[in-house]
Amino acid sequence: MIRTTVKVGGMACGMCESHMNDVIRKVFPEAKRVSSSHKKGEAVFLTENPVDPEKLKGAIEETGYHYLGASSETVKKKGLFGGIFG
C-alpha cells in the first residue's frame, strides 16, 4: 500500500475536511482510508499504486483549496486491522 500525505491550504472546518475527502475519492476512486484534518492542513489516503501529483494538485485547486505539496511512502499492513495510520 502507498500512503499519500497532501498538504492543503484553505481548510477551516469539518465540512472542508469532508469536501476534501470527497475530492480525493472522486479523483482516485481506488483510495482507501481517506482522512483530512483542517487543524493539520493535510489529507492522508491509501492506494495500491502511486498517484499522479499533478492530477491531485489540479483537483484540489479546482475546488478552491491550495495544494501545498504531497509525499508518498510505501507502508505494510500490520496485524488484523492494519495500524497503517498509527
Protein backbone atom coordinates (compact mmCIF):
# COMPACT_ATOMS: atom_id res chain seq x y z
CA MET A 1 0.00 0.00 0.00
CA ILE A 2 1.08 3.56 -0.61
CA ARG A 3 0.23 6.26 1.91
CA THR A 4 -0.02 9.71 0.36
CA THR A 5 0.01 12.80 2.54
CA VAL A 6 -1.01 16.00 0.83
CA LYS A 7 -0.67 19.43 2.42
CA VAL A 8 -3.74 21.55 1.77
CA GLY A 9 -4.28 25.22 2.48
CA GLY A 10 -7.68 26.76 2.96
CA MET A 11 -9.46 24.08 5.00
CA ALA A 12 -11.12 25.75 8.00
CA CYS A 13 -13.66 23.28 9.41
CA GLY A 14 -15.09 19.77 9.40
CA MET A 15 -17.11 20.49 6.26
CA CYS A 16 -13.87 21.43 4.48
CA GLU A 17 -12.39 18.10 5.59
CA SER A 18 -15.41 16.24 4.23
CA HIS A 19 -15.21 18.15 0.96
CA MET A 20 -11.50 17.31 0.61
CA ASN A 21 -12.22 13.63 1.27
CA ASP A 22 -14.87 13.69 -1.47
CA VAL A 23 -12.47 15.36 -3.92
CA ILE A 24 -9.81 12.69 -3.30
CA ARG A 25 -12.32 9.84 -3.64
CA LYS A 26 -13.68 11.31 -6.88
CA VAL A 27 -10.24 11.70 -8.49
CA PHE A 28 -8.84 8.43 -7.09
CA PRO A 29 -11.80 6.03 -6.70
CA GLU A 30 -9.43 3.31 -5.50
CA ALA A 31 -8.37 5.45 -2.49
CA LYS A 32 -8.92 3.84 0.89
CA ARG A 33 -8.98 5.28 4.40
CA VAL A 34 -9.20 8.87 3.26
CA SER A 35 -8.81 11.26 6.18
CA SER A 36 -8.41 15.04 6.25
CA SER A 37 -7.57 17.44 9.07
CA HIS A 38 -8.07 21.18 8.83
CA LYS A 39 -6.00 21.61 12.01
CA LYS A 40 -3.01 19.83 10.45
CA GLY A 41 -3.75 21.22 6.98
CA GLU A 42 -3.43 17.82 5.36
CA ALA A 43 -5.22 14.85 3.88
CA VAL A 44 -3.94 11.27 4.07
CA PHE A 45 -5.09 8.31 2.00
CA LEU A 46 -4.02 4.87 0.82
CA THR A 47 -3.81 3.45 -2.69
CA GLU A 48 -2.42 0.31 -4.25
CA ASN A 49 -0.45 2.32 -6.84
CA PRO A 50 1.30 5.70 -6.79
CA VAL A 51 -0.92 8.71 -7.51
CA ASP A 52 -0.23 11.37 -10.11
CA PRO A 53 0.67 14.51 -8.11
CA GLU A 54 -0.38 16.82 -10.96
CA LYS A 55 -3.81 15.20 -11.10
CA LEU A 56 -4.10 15.59 -7.32
CA LYS A 57 -2.97 19.22 -7.46
CA GLY A 58 -5.42 20.06 -10.24
CA ALA A 59 -8.38 18.53 -8.40
CA ILE A 60 -7.57 20.33 -5.14
CA GLU A 61 -7.01 23.71 -6.72
CA GLU A 62 -10.10 23.36 -8.91
CA THR A 63 -12.20 23.22 -5.74
CA GLY A 64 -10.69 26.43 -4.31
CA TYR A 65 -8.24 24.91 -1.84
CA HIS A 66 -4.48 25.33 -2.10
CA TYR A 67 -2.21 22.39 -2.95
CA LEU A 68 0.95 22.88 -0.87
CA GLY A 69 2.74 19.64 -1.76
CA ALA A 70 2.48 15.91 -1.33
CA SER A 71 4.61 12.99 -0.26
CA SER A 72 4.12 9.25 -0.59
CA GLU A 73 5.59 6.26 1.18
CA THR A 74 5.14 2.53 0.96
CA VAL A 75 3.56 1.03 4.07
CA LYS A 76 2.97 -2.55 5.08
CA LYS A 77 -0.18 -3.66 6.77
CA LYS A 78 0.42 -4.76 10.35
CA GLY A 79 -1.86 -7.09 12.25
CA LEU A 80 -5.55 -7.66 11.75
CA PHE A 81 -6.67 -4.04 11.43
CA GLY A 82 -3.63 -2.55 9.77
CA GLY A 83 -2.16 0.05 12.09
CA ILE A 84 -1.27 1.99 8.93
CA PHE A 85 -2.12 5.40 10.37
CA GLY A 86 -0.51 4.79 13.75
